[in-house]
Amino acid sequence: MKLYESTILISSLMVVTSFQAPISLPGRRITSSLEMTETQATSESKPILDPMGLYDAKSEERVSGAIEEMEPDFQKVRPIKDPMGLYGEDTPERKSGIIQDPDVKDLNRPVKDPMNLYNADSDERKEGIIEPTKPEVLPEQKSIYDPMKLYSNESEERQNGQIRSIEPEIAVTKAVIDPLKIYSKKNDSSVDKNAIMSEALPFLTRPLVLTGELPGDVGFDPLGFAKSREDLLNYREAEIKHARLAMLASAGWALSEVFDKKIAVALHLTPLIDSTNRVPSVLNGGLDKVNPFYWLACFAAGAAVEFYGINKSKSNDASYLPGNLGFDPLSLYPKDEEGQRRMQLAEIKNGRLAMIAIFGFAIQEFVLKVGVVNETPFFFFPITETFKLL
């Protein structure tokens, strides 16, 4: 009996102790049921906010009055702008007056509408805050070429004068004739009704630069090399130099084929022409037989003449003409103006013929493998020897 009473007493003491203090274990704290009851009571005394209405009208929390409606003082809240009308008329924010609609009158900066998103009936357009997008065309703006007419007449680019045709305006550099009446306008400035036809090419007009002032000028420049008088004088300078060189070369070419072997035998030297009487040339070969000192002497003489001619052409002498080096040891140059022009014309014509001849010599000997003197012996040998060569 005593043992039974002792057991009941110990059990009662343990139950009382469990309600008074928590039991501590290593790394863990076990809260007693009494402490949990006190905590729950404390939490129940705090109002519960229910902005989404999760607690219905019959819930214990709402019946007990613990639910507090979420209606803060909106006067202290920052105004809300609702340009898209997301807040309905029945929302607390709209009823409390914190929703602020945008007022176009309060906008200080004008609104640009390059894509015309604001129609004519929009408040922004009526209030006049839409800024028209018509930029000023500056003088340095680049022109726009529109060959396919992609820009309409109402486009800003065309109204601003930026659109140009595919063919820019060019200045007429030479006369234009219109025998087929291709130019429709009678007063077209590009058509020269008084155009002078070229003497060399009668079906073309004479280039404006070729005025006929220089001897031998017959208006022949189909490729339009001479664009100005300066170009014309430079080309004439080059032409007269090549003409004089070609006259010397064409005469020396034929004479060397006639006398080279005779002179070489007399001086006990090796002839430069080959067995078919062809002179050394780039196409014929045999240039390696020529003494290098000969080439050096030719180069030095040519450089000296060229240097003298350049200095004379830049001497600002009003009487200077292209190629006028003042070389006339036999005094053959006439004193009168008419005779001088006749001499100049003869020189340029013979020089042009010599340039064609020397070119023909080189091609003929390369193709036929025979010297030019053997092809035309009646020009270079007595008539008796001519028949033997033929």
Protein backbone atom coordinates (compact mmCIF):
# COMPACT_ATOMS: atom_id res chain seq x y z
CA MET A 1 0.00 0.00 0.00
CA LYS A 2 2.76 2.44 0.79
CA LEU A 3 4.48 1.60 -2.48
CA TYR A 4 1.31 2.39 -4.42
CA GLU A 5 0.86 5.77 -2.69
CA SER A 6 4.47 6.70 -3.30
CA THR A 7 4.05 6.03 -7.03
CA ILE A 8 0.96 8.22 -7.25
CA LEU A 9 2.73 11.08 -5.44
CA ILE A 10 5.75 11.03 -7.76
CA SER A 11 3.50 11.05 -10.82
CA SER A 12 1.59 14.06 -9.56
CA LEU A 13 4.77 16.00 -8.94
CA MET A 14 6.02 15.32 -12.51
CA VAL A 15 2.76 16.54 -14.01
CA VAL A 16 2.88 19.78 -12.02
CA THR A 17 6.51 20.36 -12.94
CA SER A 18 5.76 19.93 -16.68
CA PHE A 19 3.26 22.82 -16.54
CA GLN A 20 5.61 25.18 -14.75
CA ALA A 21 8.91 25.01 -16.66
CA PRO A 22 10.16 23.79 -20.02
CA ILE A 23 12.25 20.73 -20.28
CA SER A 24 15.70 21.40 -21.70
CA LEU A 25 17.49 18.84 -23.75
CA PRO A 26 20.88 19.10 -25.43
CA GLY A 27 20.46 21.23 -28.64
CA ARG A 28 16.65 21.39 -28.26
CA ARG A 29 14.10 23.20 -26.18
CA ILE A 30 10.73 21.59 -25.52
CA THR A 31 7.99 24.07 -24.68
CA SER A 32 5.43 23.05 -22.19
CA SER A 33 1.76 23.08 -22.95
CA LEU A 34 1.25 25.90 -20.48
CA GLU A 35 3.73 28.13 -22.28
CA MET A 36 2.12 27.37 -25.65
CA THR A 37 -1.27 28.36 -24.25
CA GLU A 38 0.09 31.71 -23.06
CA THR A 39 1.75 32.39 -26.47
CA GLN A 40 -1.43 31.58 -28.34
CA ALA A 41 -3.38 33.88 -26.10
CA THR A 42 -0.92 36.69 -26.74
CA SER A 43 -1.13 36.19 -30.56
CA GLU A 44 -4.90 36.15 -30.46
CA SER A 45 -4.95 39.55 -28.88
CA LYS A 46 -3.14 41.10 -31.96
CA PRO A 47 -5.42 42.31 -34.82
CA ILE A 48 -5.38 40.29 -38.03
CA LEU A 49 -5.19 42.13 -41.34
CA ASP A 50 -7.24 40.53 -44.11
CA PRO A 51 -6.82 42.64 -47.30
CA MET A 52 -7.84 39.75 -49.56
CA GLY A 53 -10.94 38.71 -47.56
CA LEU A 54 -9.77 35.20 -46.75
CA TYR A 55 -11.73 35.15 -43.49
CA ASP A 56 -15.46 34.85 -44.18
CA ALA A 57 -18.16 36.43 -42.05
CA LYS A 58 -18.81 33.26 -40.00
CA SER A 59 -15.19 32.60 -39.07
CA GLU A 60 -14.28 32.74 -35.36
CA GLU A 61 -11.69 35.46 -36.01
CA ARG A 62 -14.18 37.72 -37.75
CA VAL A 63 -16.91 36.97 -35.19
CA SER A 64 -14.53 37.72 -32.34
CA GLY A 65 -13.55 41.01 -33.98
CA ALA A 66 -9.88 40.10 -34.45
CA ILE A 67 -10.03 40.82 -38.20
CA GLU A 68 -9.07 44.37 -39.10
CA GLU A 69 -10.02 45.77 -42.51
CA MET A 70 -7.00 47.01 -44.53
CA GLU A 71 -8.06 50.58 -45.05
CA PRO A 72 -5.05 52.72 -44.17
CA ASP A 73 -5.10 56.46 -44.26
CA PHE A 74 -4.67 57.09 -47.99
CA GLN A 75 -4.12 60.76 -47.43
CA LYS A 76 -0.62 59.92 -46.23
CA VAL A 77 0.12 57.71 -49.23
CA ARG A 78 1.88 59.05 -52.32
CA PRO A 79 -0.53 59.73 -55.20
CA ILE A 80 -0.80 57.00 -57.79
CA LYS A 81 -0.83 57.82 -61.49
CA ASP A 82 -3.10 55.59 -63.55
CA PRO A 83 -2.74 56.61 -67.22
CA MET A 84 -4.06 53.23 -68.42
CA GLY A 85 -7.09 53.11 -66.10
CA LEU A 86 -6.13 49.92 -64.28
CA TYR A 87 -7.88 51.00 -61.08
CA GLY A 88 -11.66 50.67 -61.41
CA GLU A 89 -14.24 53.08 -60.00
CA ASP A 90 -15.06 50.77 -57.04
CA THR A 91 -11.46 50.30 -55.86
CA PRO A 92 -10.52 51.81 -52.48
CA GLU A 93 -7.69 53.71 -54.12
CA ARG A 94 -10.06 55.36 -56.58
CA LYS A 95 -12.65 56.12 -53.86
CA SER A 96 -10.03 57.57 -51.53
CA GLY A 97 -8.88 59.97 -54.24
CA ILE A 98 -5.21 58.96 -54.39
CA ILE A 99 -5.45 58.04 -58.09
CA GLN A 100 -4.13 60.92 -60.14
CA ASP A 101 -5.07 61.07 -63.80
CA PRO A 102 -2.42 62.58 -66.10
CA ASP A 103 -3.32 66.03 -67.26
CA VAL A 104 -1.92 66.98 -70.64
CA LYS A 105 -1.94 70.60 -69.59
CA ASP A 106 0.65 69.88 -66.93
CA LEU A 107 3.16 68.60 -69.50
CA ASN A 108 5.91 71.15 -70.01
CA ARG A 109 7.72 69.43 -72.88
CA PRO A 110 6.01 69.03 -76.25
CA VAL A 111 5.40 65.53 -77.53
CA LYS A 112 7.00 64.43 -80.81
CA ASP A 113 4.93 62.12 -82.96
CA PRO A 114 6.98 61.14 -86.04
CA MET A 115 4.83 58.02 -86.64
CA ASN A 116 1.47 59.83 -86.25
CA LEU A 117 0.32 57.62 -83.37
CA TYR A 118 -1.85 60.44 -82.00
CA ASN A 119 -4.88 60.90 -84.23
CA ALA A 120 -6.64 64.18 -84.89
CA ASP A 121 -9.27 63.55 -82.16
CA SER A 122 -6.77 62.80 -79.39
CA ASP A 123 -6.57 65.16 -76.40
CA GLU A 124 -2.87 65.68 -76.98
CA ARG A 125 -3.47 66.75 -80.57
CA LYS A 126 -6.34 69.06 -79.58
CA GLU A 127 -4.33 70.64 -76.79
CA GLY A 128 -1.58 71.47 -79.26
CA ILE A 129 1.24 69.72 -77.42
CA ILE A 130 2.12 67.50 -80.41
CA GLU A 131 5.17 68.95 -82.11
CA PRO A 132 5.22 68.54 -85.89
CA THR A 133 8.31 66.67 -87.09
CA LYS A 134 9.53 68.83 -89.95
CA PRO A 135 13.26 69.28 -89.50
CA GLU A 136 14.86 72.16 -91.30
CA VAL A 137 16.94 71.15 -94.28
CA LEU A 138 20.43 72.45 -93.70
CA PRO A 139 22.58 73.46 -96.68
CA GLU A 140 25.13 70.79 -95.86
CA GLN A 141 22.56 67.97 -95.99
CA LYS A 142 23.39 65.32 -98.53
CA SER A 143 21.10 65.03 -101.52
CA ILE A 144 19.06 61.88 -102.01
CA TYR A 145 18.88 60.32 -105.48
CA ASP A 146 15.52 58.70 -106.18
CA PRO A 147 15.55 57.10 -109.67
CA MET A 148 12.62 54.77 -108.81
CA LYS A 149 10.37 57.55 -107.45
CA LEU A 150 10.11 55.92 -104.03
CA TYR A 151 9.59 59.28 -102.34
CA SER A 152 6.12 60.69 -103.00
CA ASN A 153 5.43 64.35 -103.70
CA GLU A 154 4.07 64.73 -100.16
CA SER A 155 7.15 63.28 -98.47
CA GLU A 156 9.22 65.57 -96.26
CA GLU A 157 12.40 64.80 -98.20
CA ARG A 158 10.86 65.90 -101.50
CA GLN A 159 9.24 68.99 -99.98
CA ASN A 160 12.54 69.94 -98.37
CA GLY A 161 14.31 69.75 -101.70
CA GLN A 162 16.60 66.81 -100.86
CA ILE A 163 15.45 64.56 -103.71
CA ARG A 164 17.56 64.68 -106.87
CA SER A 165 17.38 62.80 -110.13
CA ILE A 166 19.77 59.94 -110.84
CA GLU A 167 21.80 62.08 -113.29
CA PRO A 168 23.47 65.04 -111.56
CA GLU A 169 23.74 68.27 -113.46
CA ILE A 170 26.94 68.43 -115.48
CA ALA A 171 28.53 71.17 -117.48
CA VAL A 172 28.72 70.70 -121.23
CA THR A 173 32.37 70.17 -122.12
CA LYS A 174 31.99 69.70 -125.85
CA ALA A 175 29.55 70.62 -128.55
CA VAL A 176 26.53 68.41 -129.21
CA ILE A 177 24.81 68.13 -132.56
CA ASP A 178 21.30 66.79 -132.96
CA PRO A 179 20.66 65.68 -136.55
CA LEU A 180 17.88 63.26 -135.48
CA LYS A 181 16.11 65.85 -133.29
CA ILE A 182 16.56 63.73 -130.18
CA TYR A 183 16.56 66.79 -127.96
CA SER A 184 12.95 67.90 -127.77
CA LYS A 185 13.54 71.37 -126.39
CA LYS A 186 14.39 73.92 -129.01
CA ASN A 187 16.20 76.15 -126.55
CA ASP A 188 18.26 73.38 -124.96
CA SER A 189 21.58 74.91 -123.96
CA SER A 190 23.39 71.58 -124.37
CA VAL A 191 22.74 71.60 -128.13
CA ASP A 192 25.15 73.66 -130.18
CA LYS A 193 23.55 74.43 -133.51
CA ASN A 194 26.75 76.09 -134.70
CA ALA A 195 29.00 73.15 -133.83
CA ILE A 196 32.16 72.78 -135.96
CA MET A 197 32.69 69.27 -137.26
CA SER A 198 36.03 67.54 -136.98
CA GLU A 199 38.16 67.43 -140.12
CA ALA A 200 39.63 64.04 -139.22
CA LEU A 201 36.26 62.51 -138.21
CA PRO A 202 33.52 64.36 -140.10
CA PHE A 203 30.75 62.50 -138.27
CA LEU A 204 31.93 63.92 -134.91
CA THR A 205 32.18 67.45 -133.64
CA ARG A 206 35.52 69.10 -133.05
CA PRO A 207 36.50 69.04 -129.35
CA LEU A 208 36.31 72.49 -127.79
CA VAL A 209 39.98 72.45 -126.76
CA LEU A 210 41.19 71.71 -130.29
CA THR A 211 40.73 75.15 -131.80
CA GLY A 212 43.09 74.63 -134.74
CA GLU A 213 45.68 77.00 -133.30
CA LEU A 214 48.47 74.43 -133.38
CA PRO A 215 49.82 73.16 -136.73
CA GLY A 216 48.40 69.75 -137.63
CA ASP A 217 45.34 70.21 -135.42
CA VAL A 218 42.48 68.61 -137.39
CA GLY A 219 40.18 67.99 -134.43
CA PHE A 220 41.22 64.37 -133.84
CA ASP A 221 40.72 63.40 -130.21
CA PRO A 222 38.01 60.70 -130.15
CA LEU A 223 38.95 59.51 -126.65
CA GLY A 224 38.93 63.01 -125.18
CA PHE A 225 42.42 63.04 -123.69
CA ALA A 226 42.83 66.83 -123.85
CA LYS A 227 40.55 68.38 -121.22
CA SER A 228 42.20 71.81 -121.15
CA ARG A 229 44.68 73.92 -123.05
CA GLU A 230 47.41 72.90 -120.62
CA ASP A 231 46.72 69.23 -121.39
CA LEU A 232 46.77 69.99 -125.10
CA LEU A 233 50.21 71.64 -124.92
CA ASN A 234 51.62 68.79 -122.86
CA TYR A 235 50.37 66.22 -125.36
CA ARG A 236 51.76 68.25 -128.26
CA GLU A 237 55.16 68.43 -126.48
CA ALA A 238 55.20 64.65 -126.14
CA GLU A 239 53.99 64.15 -129.70
CA ILE A 240 56.68 66.32 -131.30
CA LYS A 241 59.43 64.57 -129.30
CA HIS A 242 58.24 61.11 -130.34
CA ALA A 243 57.82 62.31 -133.91
CA ARG A 244 61.42 63.51 -134.16
CA LEU A 245 62.72 60.33 -132.56
CA ALA A 246 60.61 58.20 -134.92
CA MET A 247 61.95 60.05 -137.98
CA LEU A 248 65.52 59.36 -136.88
CA ALA A 249 64.71 55.72 -136.05
CA SER A 250 62.90 54.94 -139.30
CA ALA A 251 65.78 56.34 -141.35
CA GLY A 252 68.42 54.59 -139.21
CA TRP A 253 66.53 51.27 -139.32
CA ALA A 254 66.70 50.98 -143.10
CA LEU A 255 70.20 52.43 -143.47
CA SER A 256 71.62 50.04 -140.87
CA GLU A 257 70.33 47.05 -142.82
CA VAL A 258 71.96 48.41 -145.98
CA PHE A 259 75.38 49.49 -144.61
CA ASP A 260 75.90 47.57 -141.34
CA LYS A 261 77.73 44.61 -142.87
CA LYS A 262 79.85 46.81 -145.12
CA ILE A 263 80.95 49.06 -142.26
CA ALA A 264 81.61 46.10 -139.94
CA VAL A 265 83.80 44.32 -142.52
CA ALA A 266 85.74 47.52 -143.18
CA LEU A 267 86.41 48.00 -139.45
CA HIS A 268 86.95 44.28 -138.78
CA LEU A 269 83.94 44.12 -136.46
CA THR A 270 81.08 41.68 -136.07
CA PRO A 271 77.89 42.83 -137.88
CA LEU A 272 74.87 43.49 -135.68
CA ILE A 273 72.22 42.43 -138.20
CA ASP A 274 71.40 38.74 -138.49
CA SER A 275 71.59 36.44 -141.50
CA THR A 276 68.23 37.70 -142.85
CA ASN A 277 69.37 41.35 -142.61
CA ARG A 278 67.13 42.16 -139.67
CA VAL A 279 68.28 44.82 -137.22
CA PRO A 280 68.41 44.16 -133.47
CA SER A 281 65.11 45.02 -131.76
CA VAL A 282 62.91 43.90 -128.91
CA LEU A 283 60.99 41.54 -131.21
CA ASN A 284 63.92 40.44 -133.37
CA GLY A 285 66.39 40.05 -130.52
CA GLY A 286 70.12 40.74 -130.82
CA LEU A 287 70.17 43.79 -128.51
CA ASP A 288 72.82 42.07 -126.40
CA LYS A 289 75.26 42.50 -129.27
CA VAL A 290 75.20 46.30 -128.86
CA ASN A 291 78.01 47.80 -126.79
CA PRO A 292 76.71 49.00 -123.39
CA PHE A 293 78.60 52.26 -123.80
CA TYR A 294 76.42 53.03 -126.82
CA TRP A 295 73.28 52.75 -124.67
CA LEU A 296 74.90 54.91 -122.00
CA ALA A 297 75.75 57.58 -124.56
CA CYS A 298 72.18 57.54 -125.95
CA PHE A 299 70.74 57.85 -122.47
CA ALA A 300 73.02 60.77 -121.58
CA ALA A 301 72.24 62.63 -124.81
CA GLY A 302 68.49 62.11 -124.42
CA ALA A 303 68.55 63.28 -120.79
CA ALA A 304 70.48 66.42 -121.72
CA VAL A 305 68.04 67.33 -124.50
CA GLU A 306 65.06 66.66 -122.23
CA PHE A 307 66.48 68.75 -119.40
CA TYR A 308 67.13 71.62 -121.80
CA GLY A 309 63.62 71.40 -123.26
CA ILE A 310 61.94 71.41 -119.83
CA ASN A 311 63.85 74.52 -118.74
CA LYS A 312 63.00 76.29 -121.99
CA SER A 313 59.29 75.44 -121.73
CA LYS A 314 59.18 76.94 -118.21
CA SER A 315 61.03 80.11 -119.16
CA ASN A 316 57.74 82.04 -119.63
CA ASP A 317 58.77 82.95 -123.14
CA ALA A 318 55.69 84.13 -125.06
CA SER A 319 57.17 82.95 -128.38
CA TYR A 320 57.77 79.40 -127.14
CA LEU A 321 55.96 76.59 -128.91
CA PRO A 322 55.98 72.88 -127.98
CA GLY A 323 59.23 71.38 -129.24
CA ASN A 324 60.90 74.72 -129.93
CA LEU A 325 64.45 74.07 -128.75
CA GLY A 326 66.05 76.76 -130.92
CA PHE A 327 68.10 74.16 -132.87
CA ASP A 328 68.60 75.35 -136.45
CA PRO A 329 72.31 75.09 -137.38
CA LEU A 330 71.59 75.38 -141.13
CA SER A 331 69.15 78.31 -140.74
CA LEU A 332 66.37 76.48 -142.56
CA TYR A 333 63.61 77.82 -140.34
CA PRO A 334 61.74 80.62 -142.19
CA LYS A 335 61.56 84.12 -140.80
CA ASP A 336 57.98 84.90 -141.79
CA GLU A 337 54.99 83.59 -139.85
CA GLU A 338 53.43 81.80 -142.81
CA GLY A 339 56.65 79.97 -143.62
CA GLN A 340 57.15 78.99 -139.99
CA ARG A 341 53.68 77.49 -139.78
CA ARG A 342 54.28 75.58 -143.01
CA MET A 343 57.53 74.17 -141.61
CA GLN A 344 55.85 73.21 -138.34
CA LEU A 345 53.04 71.47 -140.23
CA ALA A 346 55.51 69.53 -142.37
CA GLU A 347 57.45 68.41 -139.32
CA ILE A 348 54.41 67.13 -137.41
CA LYS A 349 52.99 65.34 -140.45
CA ASN A 350 56.27 63.61 -141.30
CA GLY A 351 56.73 62.76 -137.63
CA ARG A 352 53.31 61.12 -137.39
CA LEU A 353 54.04 59.13 -140.54
CA ALA A 354 57.42 58.06 -139.11
CA MET A 355 55.82 56.81 -135.90
CA ILE A 356 53.50 54.60 -137.93
CA ALA A 357 56.40 53.47 -140.16
CA ILE A 358 58.73 52.43 -137.34
CA PHE A 359 55.92 50.44 -135.76
CA GLY A 360 55.27 48.76 -139.12
CA PHE A 361 58.98 47.94 -139.52
CA ALA A 362 59.10 46.09 -136.20
CA ILE A 363 55.91 44.09 -136.83
CA GLN A 364 56.81 43.26 -140.43
CA GLU A 365 60.25 41.85 -139.63
CA PHE A 366 58.93 39.90 -136.64
CA VAL A 367 56.18 38.25 -138.69
CA LEU A 368 57.91 37.77 -142.06
CA LYS A 369 61.43 37.09 -140.67
CA VAL A 370 62.93 39.23 -143.46
CA GLY A 371 64.47 42.72 -143.32
CA VAL A 372 62.41 45.63 -144.63
CA VAL A 373 65.06 46.49 -147.21
CA ASN A 374 64.74 43.00 -148.67
CA GLU A 375 60.95 43.31 -148.75
CA THR A 376 61.11 46.59 -150.67
CA PRO A 377 64.53 46.58 -152.35
CA PHE A 378 63.56 49.12 -155.04
CA PHE A 379 63.64 51.82 -152.32
CA PHE A 380 67.18 51.04 -151.16
CA PHE A 381 69.17 49.27 -153.93
CA PRO A 382 69.99 50.02 -157.58
CA ILE A 383 67.57 48.64 -160.08
CA THR A 384 70.05 45.98 -161.19
CA GLU A 385 70.39 44.59 -157.67
CA THR A 386 66.67 44.86 -157.10
CA PHE A 387 65.87 42.22 -159.69
CA LYS A 388 68.48 39.90 -158.17
CA LEU A 389 66.90 40.20 -154.71
CA LEU A 390 63.43 39.59 -156.10
